[in-house]
Amino acid sequence: MRPGQRNLVTDVAGLRVGQAGDARVKTGVTVLLGEAPFVAGVHVMGGAPGTRETDLLAPDRLVQEVDALVLSGGSAFGLDAAAGVVEGLRAMGRGFEVAGQRVPIVPGAILFDLANGGDKGWDEAPYRALGRAALEAASEEIELGSAGAGLGATTADLKGGLGSASLVLESGITVGALVAINALGSAVMGGGPEFWAAPFEIGDEFGGRGMGRHDPLAEPRPEARLGQSTTIAIVATDAALTQAQATRMAVAAHDGMARALVPSHTPFDGDLVFAAATGAKPLPEGGYEALRLGHAAAVCLARAIARGVYLARPAPGDTRPCWQERFGQA
């Protein structure tokens, strides 16, 4: 396996990503958009998720494809970001046709960034407008670090961020990950600078710091951040998958989250992974390629998490330092 041309989820042909943010509020929205509707699945392992339209992603539901997926800050307020995306897609003539009407199908998930030092004294929450703006900004290039849904994200000890990575399998199938890292846990070993995801790093995509040392018996101390977390992600491929297969890829991808964030999937995180499959390439017979897809998705997600934290940038009012501030010159 090797990274795709951009080492981004948009190495999956037919996918684009749009982002919008509000630096004053310290929050933002990230949208994954397909050139055409795509198969999607979802799996939740955190104990405190915030979601929209995820029930319809079960394999036995009527609608088998979606138009976009949305990751947003803002906790419950951020669920409105998907409404802005729905409005924008309808204006484009996109959506599931019902009784002569177009109804865009846009599942979404949110993270909690309401206590990150930004100004939350709004009269009207910004998320609907941010969702529409992110949709309209969709392209193959993605700003990583302090951008989109990761703009105001934090981890236990550092700023979080928005990360992405990709891999191309020997079969020619591409897998990519997109993630907003806002974890109760930490992305670095023993306070850093080494990342938990170090064994999966390709080149120096998140600093090339190698493996650090950590105390395997150390207990996490998350008391100050209970209920203020959640890492939300999308893994995508150009393989032709059913909703059941896409869901299994999302399940496997959670391994990448556990490799990159310690602890992860806690009762106080809403950790969630969407899976998207454009269907451009047939899945080779035999069942083994589905296994490889799941492994690649987990590797991509672990790398994407480390990249998002590594590339975060400082901003006025931050409640956490960023990795570059603490270790960039070390």
C-alpha atoms as a PDB file:
ATOM      1  CA  MET A   1       0.000   0.000   0.000  1.00  0.00           C
ATOM      2  CA  ARG A   2       1.080   3.587  -0.612  1.00  0.00           C
ATOM      3  CA  PRO A   3      -0.491   7.011  -0.018  1.00  0.00           C
ATOM      4  CA  GLY A   4      -2.549   8.526  -2.799  1.00  0.00           C
ATOM      5  CA  GLN A   5      -1.399  11.544  -4.787  1.00  0.00           C
ATOM      6  CA  ARG A   6      -2.604  14.096  -2.207  1.00  0.00           C
ATOM      7  CA  ASN A   7      -2.582  11.853   0.881  1.00  0.00           C
ATOM      8  CA  LEU A   8      -6.146  13.091   1.415  1.00  0.00           C
ATOM      9  CA  VAL A   9      -9.597  11.508   1.394  1.00  0.00           C
ATOM     10  CA  THR A  10     -10.178  13.244  -1.953  1.00  0.00           C
ATOM     11  CA  ASP A  11      -7.758  10.765  -3.523  1.00  0.00           C
ATOM     12  CA  VAL A  12     -10.975   8.739  -3.742  1.00  0.00           C
ATOM     13  CA  ALA A  13     -12.137   9.899  -7.169  1.00  0.00           C
ATOM     14  CA  GLY A  14     -15.515  11.633  -7.200  1.00  0.00           C
ATOM     15  CA  LEU A  15     -15.293  13.014  -3.668  1.00  0.00           C
ATOM     16  CA  ARG A  16     -14.729  16.619  -2.653  1.00  0.00           C
ATOM     17  CA  VAL A  17     -14.498  18.291   0.753  1.00  0.00           C
ATOM     18  CA  GLY A  18     -15.715  21.760   1.705  1.00  0.00           C
ATOM     19  CA  GLN A  19     -14.996  23.629   4.910  1.00  0.00           C
ATOM     20  CA  ALA A  20     -16.080  26.811   6.622  1.00  0.00           C
ATOM     21  CA  GLY A  21     -15.248  28.248  10.027  1.00  0.00           C
ATOM     22  CA  ASP A  22     -15.731  31.162  12.387  1.00  0.00           C
ATOM     23  CA  ALA A  23     -12.473  32.126  14.120  1.00  0.00           C
ATOM     24  CA  ARG A  24     -14.256  34.325  16.675  1.00  0.00           C
ATOM     25  CA  VAL A  25     -16.540  31.510  17.776  1.00  0.00           C
ATOM     26  CA  LYS A  26     -13.731  28.920  17.311  1.00  0.00           C
ATOM     27  CA  THR A  27     -15.892  26.453  15.447  1.00  0.00           C
ATOM     28  CA  GLY A  28     -16.538  25.148  11.963  1.00  0.00           C
ATOM     29  CA  VAL A  29     -18.069  22.646   9.565  1.00  0.00           C
ATOM     30  CA  THR A  30     -16.641  20.069   7.162  1.00  0.00           C
ATOM     31  CA  VAL A  31     -18.690  18.519   4.341  1.00  0.00           C
ATOM     32  CA  LEU A  32     -17.854  15.432   2.268  1.00  0.00           C
ATOM     33  CA  LEU A  33     -19.654  15.707  -1.081  1.00  0.00           C
ATOM     34  CA  GLY A  34     -19.931  13.165  -3.867  1.00  0.00           C
ATOM     35  CA  GLU A  35     -20.236  13.990  -7.557  1.00  0.00           C
ATOM     36  CA  ALA A  36     -23.136  11.536  -7.390  1.00  0.00           C
ATOM     37  CA  PRO A  37     -24.987   9.901  -4.477  1.00  0.00           C
ATOM     38  CA  PHE A  38     -22.860   7.280  -2.713  1.00  0.00           C
ATOM     39  CA  VAL A  39     -23.397   4.307  -0.404  1.00  0.00           C
ATOM     40  CA  ALA A  40     -22.795   5.117   3.262  1.00  0.00           C
ATOM     41  CA  GLY A  41     -22.684   3.322   6.588  1.00  0.00           C
ATOM     42  CA  VAL A  42     -21.986   4.353  10.173  1.00  0.00           C
ATOM     43  CA  HIS A  43     -20.783   2.895  13.446  1.00  0.00           C
ATOM     44  CA  VAL A  44     -20.820   4.570  16.864  1.00  0.00           C
ATOM     45  CA  MET A  45     -18.569   3.441  19.713  1.00  0.00           C
ATOM     46  CA  GLY A  46     -18.571   6.509  21.949  1.00  0.00           C
ATOM     47  CA  GLY A  47     -21.054   6.808  24.782  1.00  0.00           C
ATOM     48  CA  ALA A  48     -22.242  10.362  24.043  1.00  0.00           C
ATOM     49  CA  PRO A  49     -22.914  10.781  20.301  1.00  0.00           C
ATOM     50  CA  GLY A  50     -24.742  13.621  18.571  1.00  0.00           C
ATOM     51  CA  THR A  51     -26.105  12.691  15.158  1.00  0.00           C
ATOM     52  CA  ARG A  52     -28.594  13.441  12.401  1.00  0.00           C
ATOM     53  CA  GLU A  53     -30.112  10.966   9.896  1.00  0.00           C
ATOM     54  CA  THR A  54     -27.912   8.060  10.965  1.00  0.00           C
ATOM     55  CA  ASP A  55     -30.786   5.583  11.420  1.00  0.00           C
ATOM     56  CA  LEU A  56     -31.382   5.542   7.660  1.00  0.00           C
ATOM     57  CA  LEU A  57     -27.843   4.200   7.106  1.00  0.00           C
ATOM     58  CA  ALA A  58     -28.815   0.767   8.418  1.00  0.00           C
ATOM     59  CA  PRO A  59     -28.670  -1.836   5.615  1.00  0.00           C
ATOM     60  CA  ASP A  60     -32.403  -2.609   5.859  1.00  0.00           C
ATOM     61  CA  ARG A  61     -33.576   0.979   5.312  1.00  0.00           C
ATOM     62  CA  LEU A  62     -35.249   2.282   2.136  1.00  0.00           C
ATOM     63  CA  VAL A  63     -32.630   4.852   1.118  1.00  0.00           C
ATOM     64  CA  GLN A  64     -29.342   3.187   0.190  1.00  0.00           C
ATOM     65  CA  GLU A  65     -27.322   6.249  -0.864  1.00  0.00           C
ATOM     66  CA  VAL A  66     -26.638   9.736   0.476  1.00  0.00           C
ATOM     67  CA  ASP A  67     -25.643  13.028  -1.132  1.00  0.00           C
ATOM     68  CA  ALA A  68     -23.196  14.283   1.509  1.00  0.00           C
ATOM     69  CA  LEU A  69     -21.872  13.715   5.023  1.00  0.00           C
ATOM     70  CA  VAL A  70     -21.357  16.516   7.539  1.00  0.00           C
ATOM     71  CA  LEU A  71     -18.967  16.873  10.487  1.00  0.00           C
ATOM     72  CA  SER A  72     -19.576  19.916  12.673  1.00  0.00           C
ATOM     73  CA  GLY A  73     -18.583  21.631  15.872  1.00  0.00           C
ATOM     74  CA  GLY A  74     -21.183  23.206  18.115  1.00  0.00           C
ATOM     75  CA  SER A  75     -22.618  20.262  20.023  1.00  0.00           C
ATOM     76  CA  ALA A  76     -26.405  20.107  19.525  1.00  0.00           C
ATOM     77  CA  PHE A  77     -26.378  23.523  17.837  1.00  0.00           C
ATOM     78  CA  GLY A  78     -24.076  22.106  15.179  1.00  0.00           C
ATOM     79  CA  LEU A  79     -26.652  19.592  13.980  1.00  0.00           C
ATOM     80  CA  ASP A  80     -28.177  22.509  12.087  1.00  0.00           C
ATOM     81  CA  ALA A  81     -25.149  22.567   9.769  1.00  0.00           C
ATOM     82  CA  ALA A  82     -26.650  19.691   7.809  1.00  0.00           C
ATOM     83  CA  ALA A  83     -29.779  21.786   7.205  1.00  0.00           C
ATOM     84  CA  GLY A  84     -27.642  24.380   5.421  1.00  0.00           C
ATOM     85  CA  VAL A  85     -26.112  21.628   3.301  1.00  0.00           C
ATOM     86  CA  VAL A  86     -29.559  20.231   2.488  1.00  0.00           C
ATOM     87  CA  GLU A  87     -30.734  23.657   1.324  1.00  0.00           C
ATOM     88  CA  GLY A  88     -27.659  24.103  -0.834  1.00  0.00           C
ATOM     89  CA  LEU A  89     -27.983  20.672  -2.418  1.00  0.00           C
ATOM     90  CA  ARG A  90     -31.667  21.225  -3.170  1.00  0.00           C
ATOM     91  CA  ALA A  91     -30.743  24.462  -4.944  1.00  0.00           C
ATOM     92  CA  MET A  92     -28.330  22.381  -7.047  1.00  0.00           C
ATOM     93  CA  GLY A  93     -31.133  19.980  -7.990  1.00  0.00           C
ATOM     94  CA  ARG A  94     -29.666  17.183  -5.867  1.00  0.00           C
ATOM     95  CA  GLY A  95     -31.612  14.782  -3.689  1.00  0.00           C
ATOM     96  CA  PHE A  96     -33.800  11.694  -3.419  1.00  0.00           C
ATOM     97  CA  GLU A  97     -36.864  12.162  -5.626  1.00  0.00           C
ATOM     98  CA  VAL A  98     -40.190  11.836  -3.801  1.00  0.00           C
ATOM     99  CA  ALA A  99     -43.537  12.970  -5.248  1.00  0.00           C
ATOM    100  CA  GLY A 100     -41.856  15.360  -7.636  1.00  0.00           C
ATOM    101  CA  GLN A 101     -39.644  16.868  -4.920  1.00  0.00           C
ATOM    102  CA  ARG A 102     -35.918  16.554  -4.362  1.00  0.00           C
ATOM    103  CA  VAL A 103     -34.940  15.667  -0.793  1.00  0.00           C
ATOM    104  CA  PRO A 104     -31.157  15.656  -0.209  1.00  0.00           C
ATOM    105  CA  ILE A 105     -30.033  12.923   2.189  1.00  0.00           C
ATOM    106  CA  VAL A 106     -27.351  14.350   4.470  1.00  0.00           C
ATOM    107  CA  PRO A 107     -26.382  12.482   7.654  1.00  0.00           C
ATOM    108  CA  GLY A 108     -24.205  14.369  10.113  1.00  0.00           C
ATOM    109  CA  ALA A 109     -22.394  14.201  13.434  1.00  0.00           C
ATOM    110  CA  ILE A 110     -21.223  16.841  15.889  1.00  0.00           C
ATOM    111  CA  LEU A 111     -18.502  17.368  18.466  1.00  0.00           C
ATOM    112  CA  PHE A 112     -18.496  19.528  21.598  1.00  0.00           C
ATOM    113  CA  ASP A 113     -16.404  22.686  21.216  1.00  0.00           C
ATOM    114  CA  LEU A 114     -18.450  25.094  23.332  1.00  0.00           C
ATOM    115  CA  ALA A 115     -15.794  25.480  26.052  1.00  0.00           C
ATOM    116  CA  ASN A 116     -12.750  26.168  23.877  1.00  0.00           C
ATOM    117  CA  GLY A 117     -12.308  29.909  24.520  1.00  0.00           C
ATOM    118  CA  GLY A 118     -14.389  31.148  21.588  1.00  0.00           C
ATOM    119  CA  ASP A 119     -17.225  33.666  21.805  1.00  0.00           C
ATOM    120  CA  LYS A 120     -20.451  31.656  22.030  1.00  0.00           C
ATOM    121  CA  GLY A 121     -22.704  34.620  22.848  1.00  0.00           C
ATOM    122  CA  TRP A 122     -24.570  34.432  19.554  1.00  0.00           C
ATOM    123  CA  ASP A 123     -28.157  35.559  19.003  1.00  0.00           C
ATOM    124  CA  GLU A 124     -28.399  33.031  16.180  1.00  0.00           C
ATOM    125  CA  ALA A 125     -26.128  30.002  15.990  1.00  0.00           C
ATOM    126  CA  PRO A 126     -23.859  30.112  12.920  1.00  0.00           C
ATOM    127  CA  TYR A 127     -24.033  26.481  11.867  1.00  0.00           C
ATOM    128  CA  ARG A 128     -26.729  26.560   9.189  1.00  0.00           C
ATOM    129  CA  ALA A 129     -24.818  29.301   7.334  1.00  0.00           C
ATOM    130  CA  LEU A 130     -21.484  27.542   7.896  1.00  0.00           C
ATOM    131  CA  GLY A 131     -22.907  24.328   6.444  1.00  0.00           C
ATOM    132  CA  ARG A 132     -24.072  26.115   3.289  1.00  0.00           C
ATOM    133  CA  ALA A 133     -20.731  27.903   2.970  1.00  0.00           C
ATOM    134  CA  ALA A 134     -18.776  24.658   3.409  1.00  0.00           C
ATOM    135  CA  LEU A 135     -20.828  22.975   0.681  1.00  0.00           C
ATOM    136  CA  GLU A 136     -20.179  25.832  -1.720  1.00  0.00           C
ATOM    137  CA  ALA A 137     -16.424  25.644  -0.984  1.00  0.00           C
ATOM    138  CA  ALA A 138     -16.105  21.940  -1.833  1.00  0.00           C
ATOM    139  CA  SER A 139     -12.916  21.026  -3.719  1.00  0.00           C
ATOM    140  CA  GLU A 140     -10.279  18.306  -3.941  1.00  0.00           C
ATOM    141  CA  GLU A 141      -7.877  20.260  -1.734  1.00  0.00           C
ATOM    142  CA  ILE A 142      -8.349  20.167   2.052  1.00  0.00           C
ATOM    143  CA  GLU A 143      -6.890  22.480   4.670  1.00  0.00           C
ATOM    144  CA  LEU A 144      -5.728  20.374   7.618  1.00  0.00           C
ATOM    145  CA  GLY A 145      -5.132  21.278  11.253  1.00  0.00           C
ATOM    146  CA  SER A 146      -7.185  24.182  12.607  1.00  0.00           C
ATOM    147  CA  ALA A 147      -9.866  24.154   9.939  1.00  0.00           C
ATOM    148  CA  GLY A 148     -13.474  23.135   9.374  1.00  0.00           C
ATOM    149  CA  ALA A 149     -14.999  20.967  12.067  1.00  0.00           C
ATOM    150  CA  GLY A 150     -11.569  20.806  13.737  1.00  0.00           C
ATOM    151  CA  LEU A 151     -11.144  24.579  14.018  1.00  0.00           C
ATOM    152  CA  GLY A 152     -11.940  24.697  17.731  1.00  0.00           C
ATOM    153  CA  ALA A 153     -11.230  21.079  18.616  1.00  0.00           C
ATOM    154  CA  THR A 154      -9.105  20.025  21.590  1.00  0.00           C
ATOM    155  CA  THR A 155      -7.639  16.859  23.121  1.00  0.00           C
ATOM    156  CA  ALA A 156      -6.633  16.099  26.699  1.00  0.00           C
ATOM    157  CA  ASP A 157      -3.389  18.054  26.465  1.00  0.00           C
ATOM    158  CA  LEU A 158      -3.148  19.702  23.019  1.00  0.00           C
ATOM    159  CA  LYS A 159      -5.307  21.392  20.418  1.00  0.00           C
ATOM    160  CA  GLY A 160      -7.113  18.965  18.165  1.00  0.00           C
ATOM    161  CA  GLY A 161      -7.795  19.589  14.516  1.00  0.00           C
ATOM    162  CA  LEU A 162      -8.926  18.300  11.134  1.00  0.00           C
ATOM    163  CA  GLY A 163      -6.901  15.439   9.627  1.00  0.00           C
ATOM    164  CA  SER A 164      -6.890  13.348   6.479  1.00  0.00           C
ATOM    165  CA  ALA A 165      -4.824  10.561   4.888  1.00  0.00           C
ATOM    166  CA  SER A 166      -5.131   7.985   2.110  1.00  0.00           C
ATOM    167  CA  LEU A 167      -3.803   4.653   0.837  1.00  0.00           C
ATOM    168  CA  VAL A 168      -3.920   2.870  -2.516  1.00  0.00           C
ATOM    169  CA  LEU A 169      -4.146  -0.918  -2.248  1.00  0.00           C
ATOM    170  CA  GLU A 170      -2.385  -3.376  -4.594  1.00  0.00           C
ATOM    171  CA  SER A 171      -5.766  -3.967  -6.250  1.00  0.00           C
ATOM    172  CA  GLY A 172      -5.887  -0.289  -7.239  1.00  0.00           C
ATOM    173  CA  ILE A 173      -8.702   0.483  -4.803  1.00  0.00           C
ATOM    174  CA  THR A 174      -8.236   3.716  -2.848  1.00  0.00           C
ATOM    175  CA  VAL A 175      -9.146   4.276   0.805  1.00  0.00           C
ATOM    176  CA  GLY A 176      -9.088   7.600   2.621  1.00  0.00           C
ATOM    177  CA  ALA A 177      -9.973   9.073   6.010  1.00  0.00           C
ATOM    178  CA  LEU A 178     -11.215  12.471   7.174  1.00  0.00           C
ATOM    179  CA  VAL A 179     -11.470  13.225  10.890  1.00  0.00           C
ATOM    180  CA  ALA A 180     -12.199  16.006  13.368  1.00  0.00           C
ATOM    181  CA  ILE A 181     -10.203  15.256  16.535  1.00  0.00           C
ATOM    182  CA  ASN A 182     -11.787  16.529  19.745  1.00  0.00           C
ATOM    183  CA  ALA A 183     -10.904  13.731  22.113  1.00  0.00           C
ATOM    184  CA  LEU A 184     -11.082  13.301  25.851  1.00  0.00           C
ATOM    185  CA  GLY A 185      -7.907  11.249  25.399  1.00  0.00           C
ATOM    186  CA  SER A 186      -4.481  12.241  24.104  1.00  0.00           C
ATOM    187  CA  ALA A 187      -2.878  11.786  20.671  1.00  0.00           C
ATOM    188  CA  VAL A 188       0.664  11.800  22.110  1.00  0.00           C
ATOM    189  CA  MET A 189       2.551   9.394  24.358  1.00  0.00           C
ATOM    190  CA  GLY A 190       3.331  10.488  27.899  1.00  0.00           C
ATOM    191  CA  GLY A 191       2.803  14.162  27.123  1.00  0.00           C
ATOM    192  CA  GLY A 192       4.580  14.003  23.749  1.00  0.00           C
ATOM    193  CA  PRO A 193       6.046  14.796  21.348  1.00  0.00           C
ATOM    194  CA  GLU A 194       5.693  11.260  19.937  1.00  0.00           C
ATOM    195  CA  PHE A 195       2.295  10.214  18.606  1.00  0.00           C
ATOM    196  CA  TRP A 196       0.443   7.031  19.503  1.00  0.00           C
ATOM    197  CA  ALA A 197      -0.012   6.562  15.747  1.00  0.00           C
ATOM    198  CA  ALA A 198       3.791   6.527  15.187  1.00  0.00           C
ATOM    199  CA  PRO A 199       3.960   2.869  14.018  1.00  0.00           C
ATOM    200  CA  PHE A 200       1.701   3.755  11.083  1.00  0.00           C
ATOM    201  CA  GLU A 201       3.392   6.984   9.969  1.00  0.00           C
ATOM    202  CA  ILE A 202       4.457   7.176   6.321  1.00  0.00           C
ATOM    203  CA  GLY A 203       7.510   9.384   5.798  1.00  0.00           C
ATOM    204  CA  ASP A 204       7.336  12.402   8.093  1.00  0.00           C
ATOM    205  CA  GLU A 205       3.649  13.179   7.587  1.00  0.00           C
ATOM    206  CA  PHE A 206       3.324  14.067  11.263  1.00  0.00           C
ATOM    207  CA  GLY A 207       6.854  14.965  12.186  1.00  0.00           C
ATOM    208  CA  GLY A 208       8.733  11.693  11.902  1.00  0.00           C
ATOM    209  CA  ARG A 209       9.395  11.623  15.655  1.00  0.00           C
ATOM    210  CA  GLY A 210       9.300   7.845  15.915  1.00  0.00           C
ATOM    211  CA  MET A 211       8.234   5.919  19.000  1.00  0.00           C
ATOM    212  CA  GLY A 212       8.245   7.392  22.488  1.00  0.00           C
ATOM    213  CA  ARG A 213       8.045   5.765  25.894  1.00  0.00           C
ATOM    214  CA  HIS A 214       4.958   5.603  28.040  1.00  0.00           C
ATOM    215  CA  ASP A 215       3.769   4.097  31.278  1.00  0.00           C
ATOM    216  CA  PRO A 216       1.226   1.408  30.360  1.00  0.00           C
ATOM    217  CA  LEU A 217      -0.152   1.482  33.910  1.00  0.00           C
ATOM    218  CA  ALA A 218      -0.774   5.253  34.007  1.00  0.00           C
ATOM    219  CA  GLU A 219      -4.432   6.082  34.562  1.00  0.00           C
ATOM    220  CA  PRO A 220      -6.090   8.785  32.447  1.00  0.00           C
ATOM    221  CA  ARG A 221      -7.077  11.978  34.303  1.00  0.00           C
ATOM    222  CA  PRO A 222      -9.990  13.335  32.274  1.00  0.00           C
ATOM    223  CA  GLU A 223     -12.140  14.726  35.086  1.00  0.00           C
ATOM    224  CA  ALA A 224     -12.008  18.332  33.892  1.00  0.00           C
ATOM    225  CA  ARG A 225     -13.343  17.504  30.430  1.00  0.00           C
ATOM    226  CA  LEU A 226     -16.205  15.090  30.986  1.00  0.00           C
ATOM    227  CA  GLY A 227     -18.899  15.680  28.400  1.00  0.00           C
ATOM    228  CA  GLN A 228     -16.691  18.001  26.325  1.00  0.00           C
ATOM    229  CA  SER A 229     -15.289  15.565  23.779  1.00  0.00           C
ATOM    230  CA  THR A 230     -15.924  13.459  20.641  1.00  0.00           C
ATOM    231  CA  THR A 231     -13.895  12.441  17.620  1.00  0.00           C
ATOM    232  CA  ILE A 232     -15.943  12.134  14.419  1.00  0.00           C
ATOM    233  CA  ALA A 233     -14.616  10.652  11.202  1.00  0.00           C
ATOM    234  CA  ILE A 234     -15.352   9.495   7.665  1.00  0.00           C
ATOM    235  CA  VAL A 235     -13.546   6.677   5.874  1.00  0.00           C
ATOM    236  CA  ALA A 236     -14.127   6.478   2.143  1.00  0.00           C
ATOM    237  CA  THR A 237     -13.308   4.216  -0.786  1.00  0.00           C
ATOM    238  CA  ASP A 238     -13.916   3.953  -4.523  1.00  0.00           C
ATOM    239  CA  ALA A 239     -14.833   0.265  -4.111  1.00  0.00           C
ATOM    240  CA  ALA A 240     -18.361  -0.928  -4.832  1.00  0.00           C
ATOM    241  CA  LEU A 241     -19.792  -1.790  -1.402  1.00  0.00           C
ATOM    242  CA  THR A 242     -23.229  -2.568  -0.052  1.00  0.00           C
ATOM    243  CA  GLN A 243     -24.423  -0.662   2.986  1.00  0.00           C
ATOM    244  CA  ALA A 244     -23.605  -3.723   5.098  1.00  0.00           C
ATOM    245  CA  GLN A 245     -20.046  -3.803   3.742  1.00  0.00           C
ATOM    246  CA  ALA A 246     -19.661  -0.054   4.246  1.00  0.00           C
ATOM    247  CA  THR A 247     -20.795  -0.456   7.834  1.00  0.00           C
ATOM    248  CA  ARG A 248     -18.217  -3.184   8.412  1.00  0.00           C
ATOM    249  CA  MET A 249     -15.516  -0.855   7.048  1.00  0.00           C
ATOM    250  CA  ALA A 250     -16.641   1.796   9.559  1.00  0.00           C
ATOM    251  CA  VAL A 251     -16.445  -0.770  12.360  1.00  0.00           C
ATOM    252  CA  ALA A 252     -12.906  -1.762  11.375  1.00  0.00           C
ATOM    253  CA  ALA A 253     -11.833   1.880  11.123  1.00  0.00           C
ATOM    254  CA  HIS A 254     -12.499   2.379  14.834  1.00  0.00           C
ATOM    255  CA  ASP A 255      -9.315   0.369  15.438  1.00  0.00           C
ATOM    256  CA  GLY A 256      -7.436   3.322  13.972  1.00  0.00           C
ATOM    257  CA  MET A 257      -9.047   5.678  16.445  1.00  0.00           C
ATOM    258  CA  ALA A 258      -8.037   3.427  19.340  1.00  0.00           C
ATOM    259  CA  ARG A 259      -4.458   3.271  18.021  1.00  0.00           C
ATOM    260  CA  ALA A 260      -4.155   7.052  17.809  1.00  0.00           C
ATOM    261  CA  LEU A 261      -6.060   8.319  20.872  1.00  0.00           C
ATOM    262  CA  VAL A 262      -5.683   7.050  24.439  1.00  0.00           C
ATOM    263  CA  PRO A 263      -8.184   6.528  25.898  1.00  0.00           C
ATOM    264  CA  SER A 264     -10.791   6.421  23.139  1.00  0.00           C
ATOM    265  CA  HIS A 265     -14.444   5.324  22.875  1.00  0.00           C
ATOM    266  CA  THR A 266     -15.107   6.482  26.431  1.00  0.00           C
ATOM    267  CA  PRO A 267     -18.578   6.977  27.947  1.00  0.00           C
ATOM    268  CA  PHE A 268     -18.019  10.734  27.563  1.00  0.00           C
ATOM    269  CA  ASP A 269     -16.921  10.780  23.905  1.00  0.00           C
ATOM    270  CA  GLY A 270     -19.366  10.473  21.013  1.00  0.00           C
ATOM    271  CA  ASP A 271     -16.797   8.687  18.836  1.00  0.00           C
ATOM    272  CA  LEU A 272     -18.317   7.858  15.468  1.00  0.00           C
ATOM    273  CA  VAL A 273     -17.131   6.745  12.021  1.00  0.00           C
ATOM    274  CA  PHE A 274     -19.080   7.151   8.778  1.00  0.00           C
ATOM    275  CA  ALA A 275     -18.094   5.058   5.751  1.00  0.00           C
ATOM    276  CA  ALA A 276     -18.593   6.182   2.154  1.00  0.00           C
ATOM    277  CA  ALA A 277     -18.245   4.092  -1.013  1.00  0.00           C
ATOM    278  CA  THR A 278     -18.502   5.627  -4.476  1.00  0.00           C
ATOM    279  CA  GLY A 279     -18.746   2.248  -6.258  1.00  0.00           C
ATOM    280  CA  ALA A 280     -16.356   3.132  -9.080  1.00  0.00           C
ATOM    281  CA  LYS A 281     -14.349  -0.102  -8.813  1.00  0.00           C
ATOM    282  CA  PRO A 282     -15.662  -3.654  -8.302  1.00  0.00           C
ATOM    283  CA  LEU A 283     -14.560  -5.421  -5.145  1.00  0.00           C
ATOM    284  CA  PRO A 284     -12.391  -8.435  -6.077  1.00  0.00           C
ATOM    285  CA  GLU A 285     -13.970 -11.792  -5.298  1.00  0.00           C
ATOM    286  CA  GLY A 286     -12.939 -13.969  -2.403  1.00  0.00           C
ATOM    287  CA  GLY A 287     -13.707 -11.790   0.600  1.00  0.00           C
ATOM    288  CA  TYR A 288     -10.109 -10.885   1.381  1.00  0.00           C
ATOM    289  CA  GLU A 289     -10.319  -7.434  -0.209  1.00  0.00           C
ATOM    290  CA  ALA A 290     -13.020  -6.476   2.299  1.00  0.00           C
ATOM    291  CA  LEU A 291     -10.562  -7.403   5.054  1.00  0.00           C
ATOM    292  CA  ARG A 292      -7.858  -5.272   3.400  1.00  0.00           C
ATOM    293  CA  LEU A 293     -10.278  -2.360   3.089  1.00  0.00           C
ATOM    294  CA  GLY A 294     -10.997  -2.438   6.810  1.00  0.00           C
ATOM    295  CA  HIS A 295      -7.305  -2.594   7.675  1.00  0.00           C
ATOM    296  CA  ALA A 296      -6.488   0.276   5.314  1.00  0.00           C
ATOM    297  CA  ALA A 297      -9.321   2.361   6.748  1.00  0.00           C
ATOM    298  CA  ALA A 298      -7.980   1.865  10.288  1.00  0.00           C
ATOM    299  CA  VAL A 299      -4.417   2.765   9.226  1.00  0.00           C
ATOM    300  CA  CYS A 300      -5.642   5.863   7.367  1.00  0.00           C
ATOM    301  CA  LEU A 301      -7.701   7.005  10.340  1.00  0.00           C
ATOM    302  CA  ALA A 302      -4.809   6.618  12.807  1.00  0.00           C
ATOM    303  CA  ARG A 303      -2.532   8.643  10.502  1.00  0.00           C
ATOM    304  CA  ALA A 304      -5.220  11.268   9.858  1.00  0.00           C
ATOM    305  CA  ILE A 305      -5.700  11.811  13.606  1.00  0.00           C
ATOM    306  CA  ALA A 306      -1.988  12.405  14.166  1.00  0.00           C
ATOM    307  CA  ARG A 307      -1.796  14.713  11.129  1.00  0.00           C
ATOM    308  CA  GLY A 308      -4.713  16.807  12.378  1.00  0.00           C
ATOM    309  CA  VAL A 309      -3.111  17.351  15.786  1.00  0.00           C
ATOM    310  CA  TYR A 310       0.353  17.876  14.293  1.00  0.00           C
ATOM    311  CA  LEU A 311      -0.869  20.618  11.929  1.00  0.00           C
ATOM    312  CA  ALA A 312      -3.059  22.554  14.398  1.00  0.00           C
ATOM    313  CA  ARG A 313      -2.199  26.252  14.693  1.00  0.00           C
ATOM    314  CA  PRO A 314      -2.316  28.621  17.694  1.00  0.00           C
ATOM    315  CA  ALA A 315      -5.014  31.284  17.956  1.00  0.00           C
ATOM    316  CA  PRO A 316      -5.934  33.948  20.533  1.00  0.00           C
ATOM    317  CA  GLY A 317      -7.923  32.595  23.461  1.00  0.00           C
ATOM    318  CA  ASP A 318      -6.892  28.965  23.043  1.00  0.00           C
ATOM    319  CA  THR A 319      -7.393  26.749  26.074  1.00  0.00           C
ATOM    320  CA  ARG A 320      -4.780  24.215  24.903  1.00  0.00           C
ATOM    321  CA  PRO A 321      -1.359  24.675  23.271  1.00  0.00           C
ATOM    322  CA  CYS A 322      -0.895  23.193  19.817  1.00  0.00           C
ATOM    323  CA  TRP A 323       1.696  20.534  19.017  1.00  0.00           C
ATOM    324  CA  GLN A 324       3.822  22.952  16.986  1.00  0.00           C
ATOM    325  CA  GLU A 325       4.010  25.415  19.888  1.00  0.00           C
ATOM    326  CA  ARG A 326       5.250  22.788  22.338  1.00  0.00           C
ATOM    327  CA  PHE A 327       7.373  20.561  20.160  1.00  0.00           C
ATOM    328  CA  GLY A 328       7.853  22.115  16.738  1.00  0.00           C
ATOM    329  CA  GLN A 329      11.351  23.374  17.529  1.00  0.00           C
ATOM    330  CA  ALA A 330      12.324  20.543  19.862  1.00  0.00           C
END
